[in-house]
N, C-alpha and C. Protein backbone atom coordinates (compact mmCIF):
# COMPACT_ATOMS: atom_id res chain seq x y z
N MET A 1 107.08 80.87 14.41
CA MET A 1 106.90 81.74 15.57
C MET A 1 105.63 82.56 15.41
N ARG A 2 104.74 82.49 16.41
CA ARG A 2 103.48 83.22 16.35
C ARG A 2 103.71 84.72 16.44
N GLN A 3 102.90 85.47 15.71
CA GLN A 3 102.92 86.93 15.79
C GLN A 3 101.80 87.39 16.71
N PHE A 4 102.14 88.28 17.64
CA PHE A 4 101.17 88.79 18.59
C PHE A 4 100.94 90.28 18.38
N ASN A 5 99.86 90.78 18.99
CA ASN A 5 99.66 92.23 18.99
C ASN A 5 100.71 92.87 19.89
N ARG A 6 100.70 94.19 19.94
CA ARG A 6 101.76 94.91 20.64
C ARG A 6 101.89 94.51 22.10
N TYR A 7 100.75 94.41 22.80
CA TYR A 7 100.82 94.11 24.24
C TYR A 7 101.54 92.79 24.49
N PHE A 8 101.11 91.72 23.83
CA PHE A 8 101.72 90.41 24.05
C PHE A 8 103.14 90.34 23.48
N SER A 9 103.38 91.01 22.36
CA SER A 9 104.73 91.00 21.77
C SER A 9 105.75 91.57 22.73
N GLU A 10 105.40 92.70 23.36
CA GLU A 10 106.33 93.31 24.30
C GLU A 10 106.42 92.52 25.60
N LEU A 11 105.31 91.93 26.03
CA LEU A 11 105.30 91.12 27.24
C LEU A 11 106.26 89.95 27.13
N MET A 12 106.37 89.36 25.96
CA MET A 12 107.22 88.18 25.76
C MET A 12 108.66 88.43 26.22
N HIS A 13 109.13 89.66 26.11
CA HIS A 13 110.51 89.98 26.49
C HIS A 13 110.73 89.89 28.00
N TYR A 14 109.64 89.90 28.77
CA TYR A 14 109.75 89.90 30.22
C TYR A 14 109.41 88.56 30.85
N LEU A 15 108.94 87.61 30.05
CA LEU A 15 108.51 86.32 30.57
C LEU A 15 109.62 85.27 30.50
N PRO A 16 109.64 84.33 31.46
CA PRO A 16 110.57 83.20 31.37
C PRO A 16 110.28 82.35 30.13
N GLU A 17 111.23 81.55 29.75
CA GLU A 17 111.12 80.76 28.51
C GLU A 17 109.89 79.85 28.52
N ASN A 18 109.60 79.20 29.64
CA ASN A 18 108.47 78.28 29.69
C ASN A 18 107.15 79.01 29.39
N GLU A 19 106.98 80.20 29.97
CA GLU A 19 105.76 80.97 29.73
C GLU A 19 105.69 81.48 28.29
N GLN A 20 106.84 81.85 27.74
CA GLN A 20 106.87 82.25 26.33
C GLN A 20 106.42 81.10 25.43
N LEU A 21 106.91 79.91 25.73
CA LEU A 21 106.55 78.74 24.93
C LEU A 21 105.05 78.44 25.04
N GLN A 22 104.51 78.59 26.25
CA GLN A 22 103.07 78.37 26.42
C GLN A 22 102.27 79.33 25.55
N LEU A 23 102.63 80.61 25.57
CA LEU A 23 101.89 81.60 24.78
C LEU A 23 101.99 81.31 23.29
N GLN A 24 103.09 80.69 22.86
CA GLN A 24 103.22 80.33 21.44
C GLN A 24 102.17 79.31 21.02
N HIS A 25 101.64 78.54 21.99
CA HIS A 25 100.64 77.51 21.67
C HIS A 25 99.21 78.04 21.71
N THR A 26 99.04 79.30 22.06
CA THR A 26 97.67 79.81 22.23
C THR A 26 96.98 80.07 20.90
N THR A 27 95.65 80.13 21.00
CA THR A 27 94.82 80.52 19.87
C THR A 27 93.90 81.64 20.34
N GLY A 28 93.38 82.39 19.41
CA GLY A 28 92.51 83.51 19.76
C GLY A 28 91.05 83.15 19.66
N ALA A 29 90.22 84.00 20.23
CA ALA A 29 88.77 83.81 20.16
C ALA A 29 88.29 84.02 18.73
N ASN A 30 87.28 83.24 18.33
CA ASN A 30 86.72 83.40 16.99
C ASN A 30 85.55 84.38 17.01
N GLU A 31 85.01 84.66 15.86
CA GLU A 31 83.95 85.67 15.76
C GLU A 31 82.69 85.27 16.52
N LYS A 32 82.38 83.98 16.54
CA LYS A 32 81.20 83.51 17.27
C LYS A 32 81.37 83.76 18.77
N GLN A 33 82.55 83.49 19.29
CA GLN A 33 82.81 83.72 20.70
C GLN A 33 82.74 85.22 21.03
N ILE A 34 83.32 86.04 20.15
CA ILE A 34 83.27 87.49 20.35
C ILE A 34 81.83 87.98 20.34
N SER A 35 81.02 87.46 19.43
CA SER A 35 79.61 87.85 19.36
C SER A 35 78.86 87.50 20.63
N THR A 36 79.16 86.32 21.18
CA THR A 36 78.54 85.90 22.45
C THR A 36 78.87 86.88 23.56
N LEU A 37 80.13 87.30 23.61
CA LEU A 37 80.56 88.26 24.62
C LEU A 37 79.84 89.60 24.45
N LEU A 38 79.75 90.05 23.19
CA LEU A 38 79.15 91.36 22.92
C LEU A 38 77.64 91.38 23.13
N GLU A 39 77.01 90.23 23.05
CA GLU A 39 75.56 90.17 23.33
C GLU A 39 75.27 90.54 24.77
N VAL A 40 76.16 90.15 25.67
CA VAL A 40 75.97 90.43 27.09
C VAL A 40 76.64 91.74 27.50
N PHE A 41 77.80 92.01 26.90
CA PHE A 41 78.56 93.22 27.23
C PHE A 41 78.82 94.02 25.94
N PRO A 42 77.78 94.67 25.40
CA PRO A 42 77.94 95.38 24.13
C PRO A 42 78.94 96.53 24.18
N GLN A 43 79.25 97.02 25.37
CA GLN A 43 80.21 98.11 25.51
C GLN A 43 81.63 97.61 25.76
N CYS A 44 81.83 96.32 25.62
CA CYS A 44 83.17 95.75 25.82
C CYS A 44 84.19 96.51 24.97
N PRO A 45 85.26 97.01 25.55
CA PRO A 45 86.22 97.82 24.79
C PRO A 45 86.95 97.02 23.71
N GLN A 46 87.23 97.69 22.62
CA GLN A 46 87.91 97.05 21.50
C GLN A 46 89.28 96.51 21.91
N ALA A 47 89.94 97.19 22.84
CA ALA A 47 91.27 96.74 23.27
C ALA A 47 91.22 95.37 23.93
N LEU A 48 90.15 95.09 24.70
CA LEU A 48 90.01 93.76 25.30
C LEU A 48 89.68 92.74 24.24
N ILE A 49 88.80 93.09 23.31
CA ILE A 49 88.47 92.18 22.21
C ILE A 49 89.73 91.82 21.43
N SER A 50 90.58 92.80 21.21
CA SER A 50 91.83 92.57 20.49
C SER A 50 92.73 91.57 21.23
N LEU A 51 92.82 91.72 22.56
CA LEU A 51 93.61 90.77 23.35
C LEU A 51 93.04 89.36 23.23
N LEU A 52 91.70 89.26 23.34
CA LEU A 52 91.06 87.95 23.29
C LEU A 52 91.15 87.31 21.91
N LYS A 53 91.15 88.13 20.87
CA LYS A 53 91.34 87.59 19.52
C LYS A 53 92.76 87.06 19.34
N ASP A 54 93.67 87.60 20.13
CA ASP A 54 95.07 87.15 20.09
C ASP A 54 95.26 85.91 20.96
N VAL A 55 94.75 85.98 22.20
CA VAL A 55 94.91 84.89 23.18
C VAL A 55 93.60 84.78 23.96
N ASN A 56 92.85 83.73 23.72
CA ASN A 56 91.57 83.56 24.41
C ASN A 56 91.75 82.88 25.76
N GLY A 57 92.36 83.63 26.67
CA GLY A 57 92.48 83.16 28.05
C GLY A 57 93.81 82.51 28.37
N THR A 58 94.27 82.77 29.63
CA THR A 58 95.56 82.21 30.05
C THR A 58 95.48 81.50 31.40
N TYR A 59 94.26 81.28 31.91
CA TYR A 59 94.13 80.58 33.19
C TYR A 59 93.61 79.17 32.97
N TYR A 60 94.52 78.21 32.91
CA TYR A 60 94.18 76.81 32.65
C TYR A 60 93.20 76.71 31.49
N CYS A 61 93.54 77.39 30.40
CA CYS A 61 92.70 77.39 29.20
C CYS A 61 93.24 76.41 28.18
N LYS A 62 92.34 75.67 27.57
CA LYS A 62 92.71 74.69 26.55
C LYS A 62 92.87 75.40 25.21
N HIS A 63 94.04 75.27 24.64
CA HIS A 63 94.35 75.82 23.32
C HIS A 63 94.85 74.64 22.47
N GLY A 64 93.95 74.06 21.68
CA GLY A 64 94.33 72.87 20.94
C GLY A 64 94.65 71.74 21.91
N GLU A 65 95.84 71.17 21.78
CA GLU A 65 96.26 70.08 22.66
C GLU A 65 96.93 70.59 23.93
N HIS A 66 97.09 71.88 24.05
CA HIS A 66 97.85 72.45 25.16
C HIS A 66 96.95 73.18 26.15
N THR A 67 97.25 73.03 27.43
CA THR A 67 96.57 73.78 28.48
C THR A 67 97.53 74.86 28.96
N ILE A 68 97.05 76.11 28.88
CA ILE A 68 97.90 77.27 29.14
C ILE A 68 97.62 77.84 30.52
N CYS A 69 98.67 78.20 31.24
CA CYS A 69 98.53 78.86 32.53
C CYS A 69 99.66 79.89 32.65
N VAL A 70 99.37 81.14 32.28
CA VAL A 70 100.39 82.19 32.27
C VAL A 70 99.81 83.48 32.84
N LEU A 71 100.55 84.10 33.74
CA LEU A 71 100.15 85.38 34.33
C LEU A 71 100.57 86.50 33.38
N VAL A 72 99.58 87.21 32.82
CA VAL A 72 99.88 88.17 31.75
C VAL A 72 99.40 89.60 32.04
N LEU A 73 98.79 89.82 33.21
CA LEU A 73 98.26 91.14 33.53
C LEU A 73 98.68 91.55 34.95
N GLY A 74 98.52 92.82 35.26
CA GLY A 74 98.87 93.33 36.57
C GLY A 74 97.87 94.37 37.03
N SER A 75 98.13 94.96 38.18
CA SER A 75 97.30 96.05 38.70
C SER A 75 98.19 96.95 39.54
N ASP A 76 97.58 97.74 40.40
CA ASP A 76 98.36 98.57 41.31
C ASP A 76 98.91 97.73 42.47
N LEU A 77 98.46 96.49 42.61
CA LEU A 77 98.98 95.56 43.61
C LEU A 77 100.08 94.73 42.96
N TYR A 78 101.30 95.20 43.02
CA TYR A 78 102.37 94.60 42.22
C TYR A 78 102.74 93.19 42.67
N GLU A 79 102.33 92.83 43.89
CA GLU A 79 102.64 91.48 44.36
C GLU A 79 101.67 90.45 43.82
N TYR A 80 100.62 90.89 43.12
CA TYR A 80 99.62 89.97 42.59
C TYR A 80 99.51 90.08 41.07
N PRO A 81 100.24 89.25 40.33
CA PRO A 81 99.99 89.21 38.88
C PRO A 81 98.66 88.52 38.60
N TYR A 82 98.14 88.70 37.39
CA TYR A 82 96.80 88.24 37.03
C TYR A 82 96.79 87.44 35.73
N TYR A 83 95.78 86.59 35.61
CA TYR A 83 95.50 85.86 34.38
C TYR A 83 94.48 86.62 33.54
N LEU A 84 94.50 86.41 32.25
CA LEU A 84 93.43 86.89 31.36
C LEU A 84 92.40 85.77 31.25
N LYS A 85 91.16 86.08 31.57
CA LYS A 85 90.10 85.08 31.45
C LYS A 85 89.74 84.87 29.98
N SER A 86 89.34 83.67 29.66
CA SER A 86 88.81 83.39 28.32
C SER A 86 87.38 83.89 28.24
N ILE A 87 86.85 83.99 27.05
CA ILE A 87 85.45 84.39 26.89
C ILE A 87 84.54 83.39 27.59
N GLU A 88 84.86 82.11 27.50
CA GLU A 88 84.04 81.09 28.16
C GLU A 88 84.02 81.32 29.68
N GLN A 89 85.16 81.65 30.25
CA GLN A 89 85.23 81.89 31.69
C GLN A 89 84.47 83.17 32.08
N ILE A 90 84.60 84.20 31.27
CA ILE A 90 83.86 85.45 31.51
C ILE A 90 82.36 85.19 31.50
N MET A 91 81.90 84.44 30.49
CA MET A 91 80.48 84.17 30.38
C MET A 91 79.98 83.25 31.49
N ASN A 92 80.79 82.30 31.89
CA ASN A 92 80.40 81.41 32.97
C ASN A 92 80.23 82.20 34.27
N ASP A 93 81.16 83.12 34.54
CA ASP A 93 81.04 83.97 35.73
C ASP A 93 79.75 84.76 35.69
N TYR A 94 79.44 85.29 34.52
CA TYR A 94 78.22 86.09 34.37
C TYR A 94 76.97 85.25 34.66
N GLN A 95 76.98 84.00 34.20
CA GLN A 95 75.81 83.14 34.35
C GLN A 95 75.62 82.64 35.78
N VAL A 96 76.71 82.42 36.50
CA VAL A 96 76.58 81.87 37.86
C VAL A 96 76.45 82.95 38.92
N ASP A 97 76.89 84.18 38.63
CA ASP A 97 76.75 85.26 39.61
C ASP A 97 75.28 85.64 39.76
N ASN A 98 74.92 86.00 40.99
CA ASN A 98 73.55 86.45 41.20
C ASN A 98 73.47 87.96 41.00
N GLN A 99 72.36 88.54 41.42
CA GLN A 99 72.14 89.97 41.20
C GLN A 99 72.65 90.84 42.34
N ASP A 100 73.46 90.27 43.24
CA ASP A 100 73.97 91.05 44.37
C ASP A 100 74.81 92.23 43.93
N SER A 101 74.59 93.34 44.57
CA SER A 101 75.44 94.52 44.39
C SER A 101 76.48 94.54 45.51
N ILE A 102 77.37 95.51 45.47
CA ILE A 102 78.32 95.66 46.57
C ILE A 102 77.55 95.91 47.87
N LEU A 103 76.53 96.75 47.79
CA LEU A 103 75.72 97.04 48.98
C LEU A 103 75.05 95.78 49.51
N ASP A 104 74.50 94.96 48.60
CA ASP A 104 73.85 93.70 49.03
C ASP A 104 74.86 92.77 49.68
N ARG A 105 76.02 92.66 49.07
CA ARG A 105 77.02 91.70 49.53
C ARG A 105 77.51 92.02 50.93
N TYR A 106 77.66 93.30 51.23
CA TYR A 106 78.24 93.67 52.52
C TYR A 106 77.20 94.17 53.51
N SER A 107 76.02 94.53 53.02
CA SER A 107 74.88 94.90 53.86
C SER A 107 75.30 95.80 55.02
N GLU A 108 75.15 95.30 56.26
CA GLU A 108 75.42 96.14 57.43
C GLU A 108 76.91 96.41 57.64
N PHE A 109 77.79 95.74 56.86
CA PHE A 109 79.23 95.95 57.01
C PHE A 109 79.79 96.93 55.98
N ILE A 110 78.90 97.60 55.23
CA ILE A 110 79.35 98.45 54.12
C ILE A 110 80.31 99.54 54.59
N ASP A 111 80.17 100.00 55.80
CA ASP A 111 81.06 101.04 56.32
C ASP A 111 82.45 100.51 56.65
N GLN A 112 82.60 99.20 56.63
CA GLN A 112 83.89 98.60 57.00
C GLN A 112 84.75 98.25 55.79
N ILE A 113 84.24 98.51 54.59
CA ILE A 113 85.05 98.25 53.39
C ILE A 113 85.32 99.57 52.69
N GLU A 114 86.37 99.57 51.89
CA GLU A 114 86.73 100.76 51.13
C GLU A 114 86.15 100.65 49.72
N VAL A 115 85.36 101.66 49.34
CA VAL A 115 84.79 101.69 48.00
C VAL A 115 85.06 103.07 47.40
N ASP A 116 85.75 103.08 46.28
CA ASP A 116 86.03 104.32 45.56
C ASP A 116 84.71 105.03 45.27
N GLU A 117 84.67 106.35 45.49
CA GLU A 117 83.42 107.10 45.31
C GLU A 117 82.94 107.11 43.87
N ARG A 118 83.80 106.72 42.91
CA ARG A 118 83.40 106.66 41.51
C ARG A 118 82.66 105.37 41.16
N ILE A 119 82.53 104.47 42.13
CA ILE A 119 81.88 103.18 41.92
C ILE A 119 80.47 103.21 42.50
N ASN A 120 79.49 102.77 41.71
CA ASN A 120 78.10 102.71 42.14
C ASN A 120 77.87 101.40 42.89
N ILE A 121 77.61 101.50 44.20
CA ILE A 121 77.48 100.30 45.02
C ILE A 121 76.13 99.60 44.84
N HIS A 122 75.22 100.22 44.08
CA HIS A 122 73.88 99.64 43.88
C HIS A 122 73.79 98.77 42.63
N VAL A 123 74.81 98.79 41.79
CA VAL A 123 74.79 98.04 40.52
C VAL A 123 75.14 96.57 40.78
N PRO A 124 74.37 95.62 40.25
CA PRO A 124 74.73 94.20 40.41
C PRO A 124 76.15 93.93 39.91
N LEU A 125 76.91 93.18 40.68
CA LEU A 125 78.31 92.91 40.34
C LEU A 125 78.44 92.25 38.97
N ARG A 126 77.47 91.42 38.60
CA ARG A 126 77.56 90.68 37.34
C ARG A 126 77.47 91.60 36.12
N GLU A 127 77.01 92.83 36.31
CA GLU A 127 76.93 93.76 35.20
C GLU A 127 78.28 94.40 34.87
N ARG A 128 79.28 94.10 35.70
CA ARG A 128 80.64 94.52 35.40
C ARG A 128 81.38 93.33 34.80
N LEU A 129 82.15 93.58 33.77
CA LEU A 129 82.84 92.50 33.06
C LEU A 129 84.12 92.15 33.82
N CYS A 130 84.13 90.97 34.43
CA CYS A 130 85.32 90.51 35.16
C CYS A 130 86.25 89.81 34.16
N PHE A 131 87.32 90.50 33.77
CA PHE A 131 88.21 89.96 32.73
C PHE A 131 89.46 89.31 33.29
N SER A 132 89.65 89.37 34.60
CA SER A 132 90.91 88.88 35.14
C SER A 132 90.80 88.52 36.61
N ASP A 133 91.41 87.39 36.97
CA ASP A 133 91.59 87.00 38.36
C ASP A 133 93.07 86.95 38.66
N CYS A 134 93.41 87.21 39.92
CA CYS A 134 94.83 87.20 40.27
C CYS A 134 95.34 85.77 40.45
N MET A 135 96.59 85.64 40.76
CA MET A 135 97.26 84.35 40.85
C MET A 135 96.62 83.42 41.87
N ASN A 136 95.85 83.98 42.82
CA ASN A 136 95.16 83.16 43.82
C ASN A 136 93.75 82.80 43.37
N ASN A 137 93.56 82.64 42.08
CA ASN A 137 92.28 82.18 41.52
C ASN A 137 91.14 83.14 41.82
N GLY A 138 91.47 84.44 41.94
CA GLY A 138 90.42 85.43 42.16
C GLY A 138 89.97 85.56 43.60
N GLY A 139 90.43 84.66 44.47
CA GLY A 139 90.04 84.77 45.86
C GLY A 139 90.62 85.99 46.52
N THR A 140 91.73 86.47 46.01
CA THR A 140 92.39 87.63 46.59
C THR A 140 92.09 88.91 45.84
N SER A 141 92.08 88.84 44.51
CA SER A 141 91.84 90.06 43.74
C SER A 141 91.32 89.73 42.35
N SER A 142 90.44 90.60 41.83
CA SER A 142 89.89 90.47 40.49
C SER A 142 89.81 91.86 39.87
N LEU A 143 89.76 91.90 38.53
CA LEU A 143 89.67 93.15 37.79
C LEU A 143 88.39 93.18 36.97
N TYR A 144 87.73 94.33 36.96
CA TYR A 144 86.43 94.49 36.30
C TYR A 144 86.44 95.72 35.38
N ILE A 145 85.64 95.65 34.33
CA ILE A 145 85.31 96.83 33.53
C ILE A 145 83.93 97.27 33.98
N ASP A 146 83.82 98.53 34.37
CA ASP A 146 82.59 99.07 34.96
C ASP A 146 81.86 99.93 33.93
N PHE A 147 80.64 99.54 33.59
CA PHE A 147 79.88 100.27 32.58
C PHE A 147 78.83 101.22 33.18
N THR A 148 78.63 101.16 34.49
CA THR A 148 77.63 102.02 35.14
C THR A 148 78.25 102.68 36.37
N PRO A 149 79.12 103.65 36.16
CA PRO A 149 79.83 104.28 37.28
C PRO A 149 78.96 105.28 38.03
N ASN A 150 79.44 105.69 39.16
CA ASN A 150 78.85 106.80 39.90
C ASN A 150 79.19 108.11 39.22
N GLU A 151 78.56 109.17 39.64
CA GLU A 151 78.93 110.50 39.17
C GLU A 151 80.39 110.75 39.52
N GLY A 152 81.14 111.26 38.56
CA GLY A 152 82.57 111.45 38.76
C GLY A 152 83.39 110.31 38.19
N GLY A 153 82.72 109.17 37.93
CA GLY A 153 83.41 108.05 37.29
C GLY A 153 83.24 108.09 35.79
N LYS A 154 83.84 107.11 35.10
CA LYS A 154 83.76 107.05 33.64
C LYS A 154 83.30 105.67 33.19
N VAL A 155 82.42 105.66 32.20
CA VAL A 155 81.99 104.38 31.62
C VAL A 155 83.23 103.68 31.06
N GLY A 156 83.43 102.43 31.47
CA GLY A 156 84.59 101.68 31.03
C GLY A 156 85.76 101.72 31.99
N GLN A 157 85.58 102.37 33.14
CA GLN A 157 86.68 102.45 34.10
C GLN A 157 87.01 101.05 34.63
N ILE A 158 88.27 100.90 35.06
CA ILE A 158 88.75 99.60 35.55
C ILE A 158 88.74 99.59 37.07
N ILE A 159 88.05 98.59 37.62
CA ILE A 159 87.95 98.43 39.07
C ILE A 159 88.83 97.26 39.49
N ARG A 160 89.61 97.49 40.55
CA ARG A 160 90.37 96.41 41.16
C ARG A 160 89.73 96.08 42.51
N TYR A 161 89.29 94.82 42.64
CA TYR A 161 88.76 94.32 43.92
C TYR A 161 89.88 93.57 44.63
N VAL A 162 89.99 93.78 45.92
CA VAL A 162 90.93 92.99 46.72
C VAL A 162 90.23 92.54 47.99
N HIS A 163 90.56 91.34 48.44
CA HIS A 163 89.91 90.72 49.60
C HIS A 163 90.77 90.84 50.85
N ASP A 164 90.11 91.11 51.96
CA ASP A 164 90.67 91.03 53.31
C ASP A 164 91.91 91.91 53.55
N PRO A 165 91.71 93.18 53.86
CA PRO A 165 90.41 93.85 53.97
C PRO A 165 89.84 94.18 52.59
N ASP A 166 88.54 93.98 52.43
CA ASP A 166 87.92 94.15 51.13
C ASP A 166 87.91 95.62 50.69
N SER A 167 88.21 95.82 49.42
CA SER A 167 88.14 97.17 48.86
C SER A 167 87.89 97.09 47.37
N TYR A 168 87.30 98.16 46.84
CA TYR A 168 87.02 98.31 45.41
C TYR A 168 87.58 99.66 45.00
N GLU A 169 88.56 99.64 44.11
CA GLU A 169 89.27 100.86 43.74
C GLU A 169 89.30 101.01 42.23
N VAL A 170 89.07 102.22 41.73
CA VAL A 170 89.25 102.50 40.30
C VAL A 170 90.73 102.71 40.05
N ILE A 171 91.31 101.91 39.16
CA ILE A 171 92.76 102.01 38.91
C ILE A 171 93.09 102.58 37.54
N ALA A 172 92.07 102.75 36.68
CA ALA A 172 92.29 103.36 35.36
C ALA A 172 90.95 103.82 34.82
N PRO A 173 90.92 104.90 34.04
CA PRO A 173 89.66 105.40 33.50
C PRO A 173 89.13 104.59 32.32
N SER A 174 89.97 103.73 31.74
CA SER A 174 89.53 102.92 30.59
C SER A 174 90.47 101.72 30.46
N PHE A 175 90.04 100.75 29.65
CA PHE A 175 90.88 99.57 29.43
C PHE A 175 92.14 99.93 28.65
N ASP A 176 92.01 100.86 27.70
CA ASP A 176 93.18 101.29 26.93
C ASP A 176 94.24 101.91 27.84
N VAL A 177 93.79 102.77 28.74
CA VAL A 177 94.73 103.40 29.68
C VAL A 177 95.34 102.35 30.60
N TYR A 178 94.52 101.41 31.05
CA TYR A 178 95.01 100.33 31.91
C TYR A 178 96.15 99.56 31.24
N LEU A 179 95.96 99.14 29.99
CA LEU A 179 97.02 98.42 29.28
C LEU A 179 98.26 99.28 29.11
N GLN A 180 98.05 100.55 28.79
CA GLN A 180 99.19 101.45 28.60
C GLN A 180 99.98 101.61 29.90
N GLN A 181 99.28 101.65 31.02
CA GLN A 181 99.96 101.73 32.31
C GLN A 181 100.87 100.51 32.53
N LEU A 182 100.38 99.34 32.17
CA LEU A 182 101.18 98.12 32.33
C LEU A 182 102.42 98.17 31.44
N MET A 183 102.24 98.63 30.20
CA MET A 183 103.37 98.72 29.28
C MET A 183 104.36 99.79 29.72
N ASP A 184 103.83 100.94 30.14
CA ASP A 184 104.72 102.03 30.60
C ASP A 184 105.50 101.61 31.84
N GLY A 185 104.90 100.74 32.64
CA GLY A 185 105.58 100.24 33.84
C GLY A 185 106.49 99.07 33.57
N ALA A 186 106.77 98.81 32.30
CA ALA A 186 107.66 97.70 31.89
C ALA A 186 107.19 96.37 32.47
N TYR A 187 105.87 96.16 32.45
CA TYR A 187 105.29 94.89 32.88
C TYR A 187 105.83 94.47 34.26
N GLU A 188 105.73 95.42 35.18
CA GLU A 188 106.33 95.24 36.51
C GLU A 188 105.86 93.97 37.21
N PHE A 189 104.64 93.54 36.91
CA PHE A 189 104.10 92.34 37.56
C PHE A 189 104.90 91.09 37.25
N THR A 190 105.70 91.08 36.17
CA THR A 190 106.47 89.89 35.82
C THR A 190 107.64 89.66 36.78
N ALA A 191 107.87 90.60 37.70
CA ALA A 191 108.89 90.37 38.73
C ALA A 191 108.56 89.12 39.54
N PHE A 192 107.30 88.75 39.56
CA PHE A 192 106.87 87.52 40.25
C PHE A 192 107.67 86.33 39.75
N TYR A 193 107.88 86.25 38.44
CA TYR A 193 108.60 85.11 37.87
C TYR A 193 110.06 85.09 38.31
N GLU A 194 110.65 86.27 38.45
CA GLU A 194 112.04 86.33 38.91
C GLU A 194 112.14 85.83 40.35
N ASP A 195 111.14 86.15 41.16
CA ASP A 195 111.14 85.69 42.55
C ASP A 195 111.01 84.18 42.65
N GLU A 196 110.40 83.57 41.61
CA GLU A 196 110.18 82.13 41.63
C GLU A 196 111.43 81.34 41.26
N LEU A 197 112.40 82.02 40.64
CA LEU A 197 113.62 81.32 40.18
C LEU A 197 114.51 80.94 41.34
């Protein structure tokens, strides 16, 4: 039986048997992969690195002979559980994204979307570390670590993006607080699995 860090160990109690078995087959990121991530995102929080060293991705990620697909994260949108991206997926997103900022992306429609005042709309989106997409492959919602906040925000704050109507909201001041919120909420996002039964 694999030993996990606290977050995944406690999560296992809330997951169906099939998802538990999938997580047992996972492997963690190695030092070379971590170094690649830190070259681009040197401020990446230790708590995220710890998760990735435990499980390097849960969205159709290859772990040895097994392909893993398990929803392991949540947000303030309880109807949308999320996957943890692997380092390879994080880096691929960074490489394919252009330099568009929120302001660039919405241009003349900027007044029609909701943007938390703690978020700097001039910063290129790729400069935020997108560590998670929701169950709809990120088309509906994604989670970011923001390293260049507006005045009143905090370096490392967690942004939740949701589509239609589009909005960008700060849901935690840091990745550590974000994880603690999920644990304190008894992994509420896993209710999705109960609905599937």
